[in-house]
PDB file of N, CA and C in Angstrom:
ATOM      1  N   MET A   1       0.881  -1.049   0.089  1.00  0.00           N
ATOM      2  CA  MET A   1       0.348   0.126   0.274  1.00  0.00           C
ATOM      3  C   MET A   1       1.150   1.041  -0.283  1.00  0.00           C
ATOM      4  N   ASN A   2       0.904   1.972  -1.203  1.00  0.00           N
ATOM      5  CA  ASN A   2       1.373   3.554  -1.205  1.00  0.00           C
ATOM      6  C   ASN A   2       0.566   4.346  -0.450  1.00  0.00           C
ATOM      7  N   TYR A   3       1.133   5.575   0.108  1.00  0.00           N
ATOM      8  CA  TYR A   3       0.354   6.500   0.149  1.00  0.00           C
ATOM      9  C   TYR A   3       1.618   7.817   0.438  1.00  0.00           C
ATOM     10  N   ARG A   4       0.409   9.280   0.847  1.00  0.00           N
ATOM     11  CA  ARG A   4       0.922  10.196   1.040  1.00  0.00           C
ATOM     12  C   ARG A   4       0.010  11.344   1.853  1.00  0.00           C
ATOM     13  N   ILE A   5       0.414  11.494   2.999  1.00  0.00           N
ATOM     14  CA  ILE A   5       0.038  12.549   4.048  1.00  0.00           C
ATOM     15  C   ILE A   5       0.721  13.734   3.807  1.00  0.00           C
ATOM     16  N   VAL A   6      -0.758  15.103   3.795  1.00  0.00           N
ATOM     17  CA  VAL A   6      -0.246  15.582   3.535  1.00  0.00           C
ATOM     18  C   VAL A   6      -1.649  17.019   4.793  1.00  0.00           C
ATOM     19  N   SER A   7      -0.293  17.705   5.382  1.00  0.00           N
ATOM     20  CA  SER A   7      -1.121  18.212   6.648  1.00  0.00           C
ATOM     21  C   SER A   7      -1.645  19.167   6.002  1.00  0.00           C
ATOM     22  N   GLN A   8      -2.584  19.628   6.141  1.00  0.00           N
ATOM     23  CA  GLN A   8      -3.022  21.266   5.918  1.00  0.00           C
ATOM     24  C   GLN A   8      -3.352  22.362   7.120  1.00  0.00           C
ATOM     25  N   GLN A   9      -4.088  23.104   6.761  1.00  0.00           N
ATOM     26  CA  GLN A   9      -4.431  23.768   8.308  1.00  0.00           C
ATOM     27  C   GLN A   9      -5.143  23.645   9.324  1.00  0.00           C
ATOM     28  N   ASP A  10      -6.695  22.820   8.511  1.00  0.00           N
ATOM     29  CA  ASP A  10      -8.175  22.521   8.842  1.00  0.00           C
ATOM     30  C   ASP A  10      -7.884  21.244   8.267  1.00  0.00           C
ATOM     31  N   HIS A  11      -6.892  20.714   7.852  1.00  0.00           N
ATOM     32  CA  HIS A  11      -7.287  19.246   7.457  1.00  0.00           C
ATOM     33  C   HIS A  11      -6.340  18.539   6.461  1.00  0.00           C
ATOM     34  N   VAL A  12      -6.223  16.824   6.767  1.00  0.00           N
ATOM     35  CA  VAL A  12      -5.340  16.417   6.384  1.00  0.00           C
ATOM     36  C   VAL A  12      -5.996  15.390   5.046  1.00  0.00           C
ATOM     37  N   ILE A  13      -4.897  15.463   3.480  1.00  0.00           N
ATOM     38  CA  ILE A  13      -5.314  14.955   2.655  1.00  0.00           C
ATOM     39  C   ILE A  13      -4.232  13.908   2.498  1.00  0.00           C
ATOM     40  N   VAL A  14      -4.755  12.395   2.213  1.00  0.00           N
ATOM     41  CA  VAL A  14      -4.404  10.799   2.491  1.00  0.00           C
ATOM     42  C   VAL A  14      -4.214  10.622   0.932  1.00  0.00           C
ATOM     43  N   LYS A  15      -3.232  10.344   0.688  1.00  0.00           N
ATOM     44  CA  LYS A  15      -3.411  10.317  -1.201  1.00  0.00           C
ATOM     45  C   LYS A  15      -2.816   9.048  -0.375  1.00  0.00           C
ATOM     46  N   LEU A  16      -4.010   7.543  -1.575  1.00  0.00           N
ATOM     47  CA  LEU A  16      -3.554   6.440  -1.248  1.00  0.00           C
ATOM     48  C   LEU A  16      -3.250   5.865  -3.290  1.00  0.00           C
ATOM     49  N   SER A  17      -2.736   5.201  -3.657  1.00  0.00           N
ATOM     50  CA  SER A  17      -1.977   4.783  -4.447  1.00  0.00           C
ATOM     51  C   SER A  17      -1.620   3.630  -5.243  1.00  0.00           C
ATOM     52  N   GLY A  18      -2.098   3.091  -5.822  1.00  0.00           N
ATOM     53  CA  GLY A  18      -1.693   1.896  -7.197  1.00  0.00           C
ATOM     54  C   GLY A  18      -2.544   0.623  -6.078  1.00  0.00           C
ATOM     55  N   ASP A  19      -2.107  -0.449  -5.709  1.00  0.00           N
ATOM     56  CA  ASP A  19      -3.394  -1.318  -5.145  1.00  0.00           C
ATOM     57  C   ASP A  19      -2.870  -0.730  -3.659  1.00  0.00           C
ATOM     58  N   VAL A  20      -4.794  -1.166  -3.282  1.00  0.00           N
ATOM     59  CA  VAL A  20      -4.683  -0.656  -1.721  1.00  0.00           C
ATOM     60  C   VAL A  20      -5.124  -2.264  -0.916  1.00  0.00           C
ATOM     61  N   MET A  21      -4.372  -2.921  -0.458  1.00  0.00           N
ATOM     62  CA  MET A  21      -4.521  -4.251   0.049  1.00  0.00           C
ATOM     63  C   MET A  21      -3.877  -4.542   1.199  1.00  0.00           C
ATOM     64  N   GLY A  22      -3.096  -3.261   2.104  1.00  0.00           N
ATOM     65  CA  GLY A  22      -3.015  -3.679   3.059  1.00  0.00           C
ATOM     66  C   GLY A  22      -1.067  -3.571   3.301  1.00  0.00           C
ATOM     67  N   GLY A  23      -0.589  -4.455   3.805  1.00  0.00           N
ATOM     68  CA  GLY A  23       0.832  -5.015   3.845  1.00  0.00           C
ATOM     69  C   GLY A  23       1.546  -4.664   5.397  1.00  0.00           C
ATOM     70  N   PRO A  24       2.639  -4.551   5.082  1.00  0.00           N
ATOM     71  CA  PRO A  24       3.024  -4.724   6.165  1.00  0.00           C
ATOM     72  C   PRO A  24       3.080  -3.119   6.830  1.00  0.00           C
ATOM     73  N   ASP A  25       3.307  -2.770   6.074  1.00  0.00           N
ATOM     74  CA  ASP A  25       3.421  -1.002   6.656  1.00  0.00           C
ATOM     75  C   ASP A  25       2.556  -0.138   7.163  1.00  0.00           C
ATOM     76  N   TYR A  26       0.941  -1.020   7.143  1.00  0.00           N
ATOM     77  CA  TYR A  26      -0.511  -0.867   7.613  1.00  0.00           C
ATOM     78  C   TYR A  26      -0.012  -0.226   8.569  1.00  0.00           C
ATOM     79  N   GLU A  27       0.118  -0.671   9.508  1.00  0.00           N
ATOM     80  CA  GLU A  27       0.212  -0.533  11.244  1.00  0.00           C
ATOM     81  C   GLU A  27       1.176   0.801  11.463  1.00  0.00           C
ATOM     82  N   PHE A  28       1.982   0.646  10.598  1.00  0.00           N
ATOM     83  CA  PHE A  28       2.643   2.665  10.523  1.00  0.00           C
ATOM     84  C   PHE A  28       1.533   3.170  10.160  1.00  0.00           C
ATOM     85  N   PHE A  29       0.983   2.932   9.393  1.00  0.00           N
ATOM     86  CA  PHE A  29       0.216   3.954   8.556  1.00  0.00           C
ATOM     87  C   PHE A  29      -1.110   4.466   9.906  1.00  0.00           C
ATOM     88  N   HIS A  30      -1.345   3.073  10.165  1.00  0.00           N
ATOM     89  CA  HIS A  30      -2.861   3.706  10.960  1.00  0.00           C
ATOM     90  C   HIS A  30      -2.242   4.357  11.938  1.00  0.00           C
ATOM     91  N   ASN A  31      -1.306   4.252  12.406  1.00  0.00           N
ATOM     92  CA  ASN A  31      -0.504   4.896  13.764  1.00  0.00           C
ATOM     93  C   ASN A  31      -0.219   6.374  13.282  1.00  0.00           C
ATOM     94  N   ARG A  32      -0.062   6.542  12.090  1.00  0.00           N
ATOM     95  CA  ARG A  32       0.148   7.883  11.609  1.00  0.00           C
ATOM     96  C   ARG A  32      -1.193   8.862  11.612  1.00  0.00           C
ATOM     97  N   ILE A  33      -2.116   7.864  11.378  1.00  0.00           N
ATOM     98  CA  ILE A  33      -3.336   8.515  11.281  1.00  0.00           C
ATOM     99  C   ILE A  33      -3.626   8.751  12.711  1.00  0.00           C
ATOM    100  N   ARG A  34      -3.601   8.137  13.521  1.00  0.00           N
ATOM    101  CA  ARG A  34      -3.958   8.328  14.885  1.00  0.00           C
ATOM    102  C   ARG A  34      -2.876   9.552  15.578  1.00  0.00           C
ATOM    103  N   ASP A  35      -1.596   9.116  15.274  1.00  0.00           N
ATOM    104  CA  ASP A  35      -1.074  10.467  15.338  1.00  0.00           C
ATOM    105  C   ASP A  35      -1.767  11.844  15.046  1.00  0.00           C
ATOM    106  N   LEU A  36      -2.544  12.244  14.266  1.00  0.00           N
ATOM    107  CA  LEU A  36      -2.889  13.489  13.115  1.00  0.00           C
ATOM    108  C   LEU A  36      -3.808  13.362  14.119  1.00  0.00           C
ATOM    109  N   VAL A  37      -4.754  13.055  14.528  1.00  0.00           N
ATOM    110  CA  VAL A  37      -6.454  12.760  15.324  1.00  0.00           C
ATOM    111  C   VAL A  37      -5.682  13.045  16.853  1.00  0.00           C
ATOM    112  N   ASP A  38      -4.805  12.342  17.449  1.00  0.00           N
ATOM    113  CA  ASP A  38      -3.981  13.000  18.796  1.00  0.00           C
ATOM    114  C   ASP A  38      -3.473  14.220  18.848  1.00  0.00           C
ATOM    115  N   SER A  39      -2.920  14.825  17.771  1.00  0.00           N
ATOM    116  CA  SER A  39      -2.340  16.735  17.930  1.00  0.00           C
ATOM    117  C   SER A  39      -3.727  16.818  17.185  1.00  0.00           C
ATOM    118  N   GLY A  40      -5.093  16.738  16.959  1.00  0.00           N
ATOM    119  CA  GLY A  40      -6.228  17.367  17.143  1.00  0.00           C
ATOM    120  C   GLY A  40      -6.682  17.697  15.523  1.00  0.00           C
ATOM    121  N   TYR A  41      -6.036  17.459  14.718  1.00  0.00           N
ATOM    122  CA  TYR A  41      -6.996  16.888  13.056  1.00  0.00           C
ATOM    123  C   TYR A  41      -8.197  16.512  13.162  1.00  0.00           C
ATOM    124  N   ARG A  42      -9.494  16.827  12.754  1.00  0.00           N
ATOM    125  CA  ARG A  42     -10.722  16.263  12.780  1.00  0.00           C
ATOM    126  C   ARG A  42     -11.362  16.085  11.539  1.00  0.00           C
ATOM    127  N   ARG A  43     -10.411  16.413  10.675  1.00  0.00           N
ATOM    128  CA  ARG A  43     -10.721  15.830   9.016  1.00  0.00           C
ATOM    129  C   ARG A  43     -10.061  16.142   7.693  1.00  0.00           C
ATOM    130  N   PHE A  44     -10.646  14.462   7.523  1.00  0.00           N
ATOM    131  CA  PHE A  44      -9.735  13.620   6.275  1.00  0.00           C
ATOM    132  C   PHE A  44     -10.723  13.598   5.061  1.00  0.00           C
ATOM    133  N   VAL A  45      -9.617  13.738   4.097  1.00  0.00           N
ATOM    134  CA  VAL A  45      -9.913  13.538   2.313  1.00  0.00           C
ATOM    135  C   VAL A  45      -8.822  12.582   2.200  1.00  0.00           C
ATOM    136  N   ILE A  46      -9.545  11.089   1.968  1.00  0.00           N
ATOM    137  CA  ILE A  46      -9.065  10.446   1.639  1.00  0.00           C
ATOM    138  C   ILE A  46      -9.354   9.857  -0.143  1.00  0.00           C
ATOM    139  N   ASP A  47      -7.903  10.526  -0.504  1.00  0.00           N
ATOM    140  CA  ASP A  47      -7.890  11.012  -2.271  1.00  0.00           C
ATOM    141  C   ASP A  47      -7.607   9.615  -2.904  1.00  0.00           C
ATOM    142  N   MET A  48      -8.344   9.052  -3.667  1.00  0.00           N
ATOM    143  CA  MET A  48      -8.346   7.485  -4.032  1.00  0.00           C
ATOM    144  C   MET A  48      -7.770   7.648  -5.362  1.00  0.00           C
ATOM    145  N   SER A  49      -7.860   9.238  -6.187  1.00  0.00           N
ATOM    146  CA  SER A  49      -7.985   9.460  -7.496  1.00  0.00           C
ATOM    147  C   SER A  49      -6.124   8.433  -8.577  1.00  0.00           C
ATOM    148  N   THR A  50      -5.703   7.731  -7.932  1.00  0.00           N
ATOM    149  CA  THR A  50      -4.050   7.168  -7.559  1.00  0.00           C
ATOM    150  C   THR A  50      -4.336   6.018  -7.358  1.00  0.00           C
ATOM    151  N   ALA A  51      -5.502   5.298  -6.855  1.00  0.00           N
ATOM    152  CA  ALA A  51      -5.517   4.096  -6.422  1.00  0.00           C
ATOM    153  C   ALA A  51      -5.590   3.292  -7.779  1.00  0.00           C
ATOM    154  N   ARG A  52      -5.550   2.002  -7.735  1.00  0.00           N
ATOM    155  CA  ARG A  52      -6.084   1.118  -9.168  1.00  0.00           C
ATOM    156  C   ARG A  52      -7.105  -0.272  -8.875  1.00  0.00           C
ATOM    157  N   TRP A  53      -6.755  -0.312  -6.999  1.00  0.00           N
ATOM    158  CA  TRP A  53      -7.710  -0.994  -7.283  1.00  0.00           C
ATOM    159  C   TRP A  53      -7.971  -1.463  -5.394  1.00  0.00           C
ATOM    160  N   ILE A  54      -8.186  -1.684  -4.376  1.00  0.00           N
ATOM    161  CA  ILE A  54      -8.852  -1.981  -3.796  1.00  0.00           C
ATOM    162  C   ILE A  54      -9.009  -3.770  -3.453  1.00  0.00           C
ATOM    163  N   ASN A  55      -9.145  -4.242  -1.804  1.00  0.00           N
ATOM    164  CA  ASN A  55      -9.644  -6.077  -1.856  1.00  0.00           C
ATOM    165  C   ASN A  55     -10.187  -5.908  -0.341  1.00  0.00           C
ATOM    166  N   SER A  56     -10.597  -6.709   0.206  1.00  0.00           N
ATOM    167  CA  SER A  56     -10.967  -6.393   1.034  1.00  0.00           C
ATOM    168  C   SER A  56     -10.768  -6.072   2.625  1.00  0.00           C
ATOM    169  N   THR A  57      -8.958  -6.472   2.585  1.00  0.00           N
ATOM    170  CA  THR A  57      -8.030  -5.812   3.825  1.00  0.00           C
ATOM    171  C   THR A  57      -7.918  -4.157   3.466  1.00  0.00           C
ATOM    172  N   GLY A  58      -8.032  -3.710   2.414  1.00  0.00           N
ATOM    173  CA  GLY A  58      -7.795  -1.579   1.771  1.00  0.00           C
ATOM    174  C   GLY A  58      -9.197  -1.584   2.618  1.00  0.00           C
ATOM    175  N   LEU A  59     -10.482  -2.280   2.378  1.00  0.00           N
ATOM    176  CA  LEU A  59     -11.887  -1.858   3.246  1.00  0.00           C
ATOM    177  C   LEU A  59     -11.885  -1.637   3.998  1.00  0.00           C
ATOM    178  N   GLY A  60     -11.070  -3.017   4.905  1.00  0.00           N
ATOM    179  CA  GLY A  60     -10.606  -2.859   6.249  1.00  0.00           C
ATOM    180  C   GLY A  60     -10.114  -1.511   6.978  1.00  0.00           C
ATOM    181  N   ILE A  61      -9.144  -1.377   6.514  1.00  0.00           N
ATOM    182  CA  ILE A  61      -8.483  -0.176   6.603  1.00  0.00           C
ATOM    183  C   ILE A  61      -8.770   1.456   6.436  1.00  0.00           C
ATOM    184  N   LEU A  62      -9.700   1.517   5.456  1.00  0.00           N
ATOM    185  CA  LEU A  62     -10.527   2.493   5.837  1.00  0.00           C
ATOM    186  C   LEU A  62     -11.434   2.435   6.553  1.00  0.00           C
ATOM    187  N   VAL A  63     -11.935   1.620   6.822  1.00  0.00           N
ATOM    188  CA  VAL A  63     -13.300   0.939   7.972  1.00  0.00           C
ATOM    189  C   VAL A  63     -12.296   1.672   8.995  1.00  0.00           C
ATOM    190  N   SER A  64     -10.865   0.970   9.344  1.00  0.00           N
ATOM    191  CA  SER A  64     -10.569   1.263  10.942  1.00  0.00           C
ATOM    192  C   SER A  64     -10.116   2.685  11.074  1.00  0.00           C
ATOM    193  N   ILE A  65      -9.776   3.332  10.153  1.00  0.00           N
ATOM    194  CA  ILE A  65      -9.073   4.716   9.762  1.00  0.00           C
ATOM    195  C   ILE A  65     -10.227   5.304  10.065  1.00  0.00           C
ATOM    196  N   PHE A  66     -11.884   5.515   9.342  1.00  0.00           N
ATOM    197  CA  PHE A  66     -13.181   5.835   9.530  1.00  0.00           C
ATOM    198  C   PHE A  66     -13.612   6.307  11.089  1.00  0.00           C
ATOM    199  N   ARG A  67     -13.535   4.658  11.836  1.00  0.00           N
ATOM    200  CA  ARG A  67     -13.614   4.594  12.894  1.00  0.00           C
ATOM    201  C   ARG A  67     -12.633   5.175  13.665  1.00  0.00           C
ATOM    202  N   THR A  68     -11.588   5.195  13.842  1.00  0.00           N
ATOM    203  CA  THR A  68     -10.851   6.382  14.572  1.00  0.00           C
ATOM    204  C   THR A  68     -10.960   7.445  14.317  1.00  0.00           C
ATOM    205  N   ILE A  69     -11.539   8.434  13.365  1.00  0.00           N
ATOM    206  CA  ILE A  69     -11.746   9.702  12.666  1.00  0.00           C
ATOM    207  C   ILE A  69     -13.372   9.902  13.287  1.00  0.00           C
ATOM    208  N   HIS A  70     -14.394   8.960  13.658  1.00  0.00           N
ATOM    209  CA  HIS A  70     -15.198   8.902  13.746  1.00  0.00           C
ATOM    210  C   HIS A  70     -15.645   9.271  15.639  1.00  0.00           C
ATOM    211  N   ASP A  71     -14.660   8.143  16.591  1.00  0.00           N
ATOM    212  CA  ASP A  71     -14.766   8.170  17.627  1.00  0.00           C
ATOM    213  C   ASP A  71     -14.147   9.629  17.784  1.00  0.00           C
ATOM    214  N   VAL A  72     -13.682  10.637  17.653  1.00  0.00           N
ATOM    215  CA  VAL A  72     -13.329  11.462  17.992  1.00  0.00           C
ATOM    216  C   VAL A  72     -14.285  12.869  17.277  1.00  0.00           C
ATOM    217  N   ASP A  73     -15.262  12.665  16.894  1.00  0.00           N
ATOM    218  CA  ASP A  73     -16.532  12.998  16.111  1.00  0.00           C
ATOM    219  C   ASP A  73     -15.876  14.032  14.754  1.00  0.00           C
ATOM    220  N   GLY A  74     -15.233  13.387  14.158  1.00  0.00           N
ATOM    221  CA  GLY A  74     -14.024  13.809  13.230  1.00  0.00           C
ATOM    222  C   GLY A  74     -15.230  13.939  11.681  1.00  0.00           C
ATOM    223  N   SER A  75     -14.561  14.514  11.161  1.00  0.00           N
ATOM    224  CA  SER A  75     -15.345  14.006   9.708  1.00  0.00           C
ATOM    225  C   SER A  75     -14.236  13.388   8.586  1.00  0.00           C
ATOM    226  N   MET A  76     -14.381  12.185   7.567  1.00  0.00           N
ATOM    227  CA  MET A  76     -13.700  11.665   6.823  1.00  0.00           C
ATOM    228  C   MET A  76     -14.380  11.482   5.611  1.00  0.00           C
ATOM    229  N   VAL A  77     -13.860  11.391   4.443  1.00  0.00           N
ATOM    230  CA  VAL A  77     -14.424  11.664   2.949  1.00  0.00           C
ATOM    231  C   VAL A  77     -13.419  11.007   2.178  1.00  0.00           C
ATOM    232  N   ILE A  78     -14.458  10.377   1.165  1.00  0.00           N
ATOM    233  CA  ILE A  78     -13.411   9.613   0.403  1.00  0.00           C
ATOM    234  C   ILE A  78     -13.398  10.405  -1.403  1.00  0.00           C
ATOM    235  N   CYS A  79     -12.622  10.444  -1.973  1.00  0.00           N
ATOM    236  CA  CYS A  79     -12.840  11.413  -3.310  1.00  0.00           C
ATOM    237  C   CYS A  79     -12.128  10.458  -4.156  1.00  0.00           C
ATOM    238  N   GLY A  80     -11.952  10.429  -5.613  1.00  0.00           N
ATOM    239  CA  GLY A  80     -11.364  10.225  -6.953  1.00  0.00           C
ATOM    240  C   GLY A  80     -11.338   8.847  -7.435  1.00  0.00           C
ATOM    241  N   ALA A  81     -12.139   8.423  -6.156  1.00  0.00           N
ATOM    242  CA  ALA A  81     -12.437   6.069  -6.763  1.00  0.00           C
ATOM    243  C   ALA A  81     -12.327   6.130  -8.543  1.00  0.00           C
ATOM    244  N   ASN A  82     -11.701   5.306  -8.914  1.00  0.00           N
ATOM    245  CA  ASN A  82     -12.309   5.238  -9.910  1.00  0.00           C
ATOM    246  C   ASN A  82     -13.194   4.063 -10.330  1.00  0.00           C
ATOM    247  N   LYS A  83     -13.484   3.661 -11.517  1.00  0.00           N
ATOM    248  CA  LYS A  83     -15.406   3.041 -11.317  1.00  0.00           C
ATOM    249  C   LYS A  83     -15.249   1.293 -10.805  1.00  0.00           C
ATOM    250  N   ARG A  84     -14.472   1.238 -10.911  1.00  0.00           N
ATOM    251  CA  ARG A  84     -14.052  -0.209 -10.338  1.00  0.00           C
ATOM    252  C   ARG A  84     -14.260  -0.454  -8.795  1.00  0.00           C
ATOM    253  N   ILE A  85     -13.521   0.877  -7.778  1.00  0.00           N
ATOM    254  CA  ILE A  85     -13.271   0.765  -6.067  1.00  0.00           C
ATOM    255  C   ILE A  85     -14.502   1.320  -6.219  1.00  0.00           C
ATOM    256  N   ARG A  86     -15.384   2.276  -6.825  1.00  0.00           N
ATOM    257  CA  ARG A  86     -16.583   2.533  -6.587  1.00  0.00           C
ATOM    258  C   ARG A  86     -17.770   1.456  -6.562  1.00  0.00           C
ATOM    259  N   GLY A  87     -17.692   0.051  -7.570  1.00  0.00           N
ATOM    260  CA  GLY A  87     -18.367  -0.740  -7.523  1.00  0.00           C
ATOM    261  C   GLY A  87     -18.103  -1.618  -6.356  1.00  0.00           C
ATOM    262  N   ILE A  88     -16.883  -1.848  -5.846  1.00  0.00           N
ATOM    263  CA  ILE A  88     -16.256  -2.587  -4.672  1.00  0.00           C
ATOM    264  C   ILE A  88     -17.376  -1.741  -3.781  1.00  0.00           C
ATOM    265  N   TYR A  89     -16.720  -0.639  -3.443  1.00  0.00           N
ATOM    266  CA  TYR A  89     -18.038   0.301  -1.978  1.00  0.00           C
ATOM    267  C   TYR A  89     -19.381  -0.634  -2.350  1.00  0.00           C
ATOM    268  N   PHE A  90     -20.055   0.201  -3.439  1.00  0.00           N
ATOM    269  CA  PHE A  90     -21.306  -0.326  -3.443  1.00  0.00           C
ATOM    270  C   PHE A  90     -21.394  -2.143  -3.405  1.00  0.00           C
ATOM    271  N   VAL A  91     -21.121  -2.941  -3.901  1.00  0.00           N
ATOM    272  CA  VAL A  91     -21.460  -4.323  -3.610  1.00  0.00           C
ATOM    273  C   VAL A  91     -21.224  -4.526  -2.012  1.00  0.00           C
ATOM    274  N   SER A  92     -20.123  -3.675  -1.005  1.00  0.00           N
ATOM    275  CA  SER A  92     -20.562  -3.910   0.083  1.00  0.00           C
ATOM    276  C   SER A  92     -20.990  -3.287   1.096  1.00  0.00           C
ATOM    277  N   GLN A  93     -21.350  -2.045   0.298  1.00  0.00           N
ATOM    278  CA  GLN A  93     -22.582  -1.640   0.868  1.00  0.00           C
ATOM    279  C   GLN A  93     -21.677  -0.493   2.053  1.00  0.00           C
ATOM    280  N   LEU A  94     -20.633   0.110   1.531  1.00  0.00           N
ATOM    281  CA  LEU A  94     -19.867   0.997   2.256  1.00  0.00           C
ATOM    282  C   LEU A  94     -20.432   2.320   1.625  1.00  0.00           C
ATOM    283  N   ASP A  95     -20.533   2.350   0.196  1.00  0.00           N
ATOM    284  CA  ASP A  95     -20.831   3.392  -0.294  1.00  0.00           C
ATOM    285  C   ASP A  95     -22.018   4.214   1.150  1.00  0.00           C
ATOM    286  N   LYS A  96     -22.493   3.503   1.751  1.00  0.00           N
ATOM    287  CA  LYS A  96     -23.571   3.934   2.827  1.00  0.00           C
ATOM    288  C   LYS A  96     -23.092   4.826   4.138  1.00  0.00           C
ATOM    289  N   VAL A  97     -21.816   4.229   3.948  1.00  0.00           N
ATOM    290  CA  VAL A  97     -20.936   4.657   5.278  1.00  0.00           C
ATOM    291  C   VAL A  97     -19.772   5.951   4.492  1.00  0.00           C
ATOM    292  N   PHE A  98     -19.065   5.557   3.972  1.00  0.00           N
ATOM    293  CA  PHE A  98     -18.154   6.804   3.532  1.00  0.00           C
ATOM    294  C   PHE A  98     -19.406   7.735   2.514  1.00  0.00           C
ATOM    295  N   ALA A  99     -19.116   8.671   3.062  1.00  0.00           N
ATOM    296  CA  ALA A  99     -19.451   9.899   1.725  1.00  0.00           C
ATOM    297  C   ALA A  99     -18.073   9.667   0.552  1.00  0.00           C
ATOM    298  N   THR A 100     -18.441  10.157  -0.846  1.00  0.00           N
ATOM    299  CA  THR A 100     -17.086   9.754  -1.460  1.00  0.00           C
ATOM    300  C   THR A 100     -17.648  11.103  -2.735  1.00  0.00           C
ATOM    301  N   TYR A 101     -16.740  11.517  -2.993  1.00  0.00           N
ATOM    302  CA  TYR A 101     -16.786  12.111  -4.136  1.00  0.00           C
ATOM    303  C   TYR A 101     -15.681  12.649  -5.327  1.00  0.00           C
ATOM    304  N   SER A 102     -16.892  12.893  -6.036  1.00  0.00           N
ATOM    305  CA  SER A 102     -15.629  12.512  -7.728  1.00  0.00           C
ATOM    306  C   SER A 102     -14.348  13.086  -7.632  1.00  0.00           C
ATOM    307  N   SER A 103     -14.130  14.814  -6.990  1.00  0.00           N
ATOM    308  CA  SER A 103     -12.305  15.255  -7.378  1.00  0.00           C
ATOM    309  C   SER A 103     -12.081  15.418  -5.983  1.00  0.00           C
ATOM    310  N   LEU A 104     -10.620  15.993  -5.932  1.00  0.00           N
ATOM    311  CA  LEU A 104     -10.585  16.273  -4.584  1.00  0.00           C
ATOM    312  C   LEU A 104     -10.857  17.638  -4.187  1.00  0.00           C
ATOM    313  N   ASP A 105     -10.832  18.267  -4.714  1.00  0.00           N
ATOM    314  CA  ASP A 105     -11.860  19.457  -5.160  1.00  0.00           C
ATOM    315  C   ASP A 105     -12.788  19.557  -4.170  1.00  0.00           C
ATOM    316  N   GLU A 106     -13.470  18.614  -4.461  1.00  0.00           N
ATOM    317  CA  GLU A 106     -14.817  18.785  -3.783  1.00  0.00           C
ATOM    318  C   GLU A 106     -15.402  18.047  -2.336  1.00  0.00           C
ATOM    319  N   GLY A 107     -13.748  16.949  -2.097  1.00  0.00           N
ATOM    320  CA  GLY A 107     -13.929  16.162  -1.024  1.00  0.00           C
ATOM    321  C   GLY A 107     -13.578  17.313  -0.238  1.00  0.00           C
ATOM    322  N   VAL A 108     -12.323  18.057  -0.846  1.00  0.00           N
ATOM    323  CA  VAL A 108     -12.208  19.107   0.247  1.00  0.00           C
ATOM    324  C   VAL A 108     -13.157  20.389   0.734  1.00  0.00           C
ATOM    325  N   ALA A 109     -14.026  20.521   0.282  1.00  0.00           N
ATOM    326  CA  ALA A 109     -14.975  21.519   0.122  1.00  0.00           C
ATOM    327  C   ALA A 109     -15.727  20.711   0.982  1.00  0.00           C
ATOM    328  N   ALA A 110     -16.348  19.193   0.765  1.00  0.00           N
ATOM    329  CA  ALA A 110     -17.510  18.805   1.497  1.00  0.00           C
ATOM    330  C   ALA A 110     -16.691  18.744   3.263  1.00  0.00           C
ATOM    331  N   VAL A 111     -15.008  18.575   3.286  1.00  0.00           N
ATOM    332  CA  VAL A 111     -14.826  18.014   5.154  1.00  0.00           C
ATOM    333  C   VAL A 111     -14.723  19.592   5.673  1.00  0.00           C
ATOM    334  N   THR A 112     -14.380  20.702   5.298  1.00  0.00           N
ATOM    335  CA  THR A 112     -13.778  21.921   5.198  1.00  0.00           C
ATOM    336  C   THR A 112     -15.596  22.600   5.646  1.00  0.00           C
ATOM    337  N   ALA A 113     -16.352  21.893   4.871  1.00  0.00           N
ATOM    338  CA  ALA A 113     -17.496  22.516   5.233  1.00  0.00           C
ATOM    339  C   ALA A 113     -18.549  22.151   6.654  1.00  0.00           C
ATOM    340  N   ALA A 114     -17.827  21.097   7.090  1.00  0.00           N
ATOM    341  CA  ALA A 114     -18.529  20.026   8.140  1.00  0.00           C
ATOM    342  C   ALA A 114     -18.175  20.799   9.570  1.00  0.00           C
TER     343      ALA A 114
END
């Protein structure tokens, strides 16, 4: 799983790329999210515009960080997912859990308005 985290003044952009399937660095990734939450960040945008695929482990990762953020009354949106990934959200019914947007700009606007 490849990712890049960019902290902005009032939100965090997490850019996931390639195949989102977990892996050995998942724990480090989740700890980074927890550290950001502990330092006061409450608004997260998960940018999947360069992600090709997600499997059940990757979905579990998204649910896990969603819970971490939600537990502190934070908000998380997902943006830029391709048609294949959106289909997986639909089949797994996570489209009812995650707010999703077509573009990064839309996702940032939604999360900063919350």
